[in-house]
């Protein structure tokens, strides 16, 4: 049954239980924070591979922040597998 407060809004307990349900359905992250990964960057027909470190956890298809070993800038990439992140164009 839907639990509403006096204002007609869902109760905090209901919101927490819905959030926990959604989190329990989510798959385990493919990469974790601080993990060393392969970074792919493609320009036209050329693909460059480098090493990098993830700055957050993410599942396949998620966008995560990472740092390429040769640089100190945080860039964004899409998790492609448990050890590969593709840099966004």
Protein backbone atom coordinates (compact mmCIF):
# COMPACT_ATOMS: atom_id res chain seq x y z
CA UNK A 1 0.00 0.00 0.00
CA UNK A 2 1.16 3.52 -0.75
CA UNK A 3 2.07 5.46 2.40
CA UNK A 4 1.47 9.20 2.15
CA UNK A 5 2.15 11.91 4.70
CA UNK A 6 -0.30 14.67 5.70
CA UNK A 7 0.68 16.70 2.60
CA UNK A 8 -0.16 13.81 0.29
CA UNK A 9 3.51 13.13 -0.48
CA UNK A 10 5.16 9.69 -0.20
CA UNK A 11 6.66 9.06 3.22
CA UNK A 12 10.42 8.95 3.70
CA UNK A 13 10.17 5.21 4.53
CA UNK A 14 8.51 4.57 1.19
CA UNK A 15 11.11 6.58 -0.71
CA UNK A 16 13.98 4.78 1.03
CA UNK A 17 12.48 1.36 0.33
CA UNK A 18 11.99 2.24 -3.37
CA UNK A 19 15.59 3.49 -3.61
CA UNK A 20 16.93 0.34 -1.95
CA UNK A 21 14.90 -1.81 -4.34
CA UNK A 22 16.33 0.02 -7.34
CA UNK A 23 19.88 -0.27 -5.99
CA UNK A 24 19.48 -3.99 -5.35
CA UNK A 25 18.43 -4.51 -8.98
CA UNK A 26 21.47 -2.64 -10.34
CA UNK A 27 24.35 -4.79 -11.49
CA UNK A 28 27.71 -4.77 -9.75
CA UNK A 29 30.11 -2.11 -11.05
CA UNK A 30 32.41 -3.21 -13.87
CA UNK A 31 35.08 -0.74 -12.68
CA UNK A 32 35.80 0.61 -9.22
CA UNK A 33 37.32 3.87 -7.98
CA UNK A 34 41.12 3.82 -8.26
CA UNK A 35 41.19 0.90 -10.69
CA UNK A 36 43.84 0.88 -13.40
CA UNK A 37 42.15 0.58 -16.80
CA UNK A 38 42.85 0.82 -20.53
CA UNK A 39 41.68 4.11 -22.00
CA UNK A 40 40.62 4.20 -25.65
CA UNK A 41 40.43 7.41 -27.67
CA UNK A 42 39.31 7.33 -31.30
CA UNK A 43 39.72 10.13 -33.83
CA UNK A 44 38.52 9.20 -37.29
CA UNK A 45 40.05 5.83 -38.11
CA UNK A 46 42.85 6.07 -35.52
CA UNK A 47 42.43 4.56 -32.05
CA UNK A 48 44.94 5.30 -29.31
CA UNK A 49 45.20 3.17 -26.17
CA UNK A 50 46.68 4.47 -22.90
CA UNK A 51 46.56 3.57 -19.22
CA UNK A 52 44.39 5.43 -16.76
CA UNK A 53 42.86 5.39 -13.30
CA UNK A 54 39.12 5.57 -12.66
CA UNK A 55 37.94 8.23 -10.24
CA UNK A 56 34.61 6.51 -9.53
CA UNK A 57 32.86 3.19 -9.90
CA UNK A 58 30.65 2.46 -12.88
CA UNK A 59 28.75 -0.26 -14.71
CA UNK A 60 29.14 -1.01 -18.42
CA UNK A 61 27.59 1.93 -20.29
CA UNK A 62 28.01 4.40 -17.42
CA UNK A 63 29.97 7.62 -17.84
CA UNK A 64 32.82 7.91 -15.32
CA UNK A 65 35.62 10.34 -14.55
CA UNK A 66 39.17 9.13 -15.09
CA UNK A 67 42.73 10.38 -15.24
CA UNK A 68 45.08 9.24 -18.01
CA UNK A 69 48.49 8.25 -16.58
CA UNK A 70 50.37 10.81 -18.69
CA UNK A 71 48.18 13.72 -17.59
CA UNK A 72 46.64 15.29 -14.55
CA UNK A 73 43.32 16.34 -16.06
CA UNK A 74 40.11 14.57 -15.17
CA UNK A 75 38.28 13.46 -18.31
CA UNK A 76 35.04 11.58 -18.93
CA UNK A 77 34.67 8.21 -20.56
CA UNK A 78 32.15 5.42 -21.07
CA UNK A 79 32.77 2.09 -19.35
CA UNK A 80 33.01 -0.55 -22.09
CA UNK A 81 34.18 -3.53 -20.00
CA UNK A 82 35.77 -4.45 -16.68
CA UNK A 83 39.11 -3.02 -17.85
CA UNK A 84 38.32 -0.57 -20.67
CA UNK A 85 36.92 2.97 -20.73
CA UNK A 86 36.38 4.87 -23.99
CA UNK A 87 37.01 8.62 -23.90
CA UNK A 88 34.06 10.77 -24.90
CA UNK A 89 34.62 12.84 -28.08
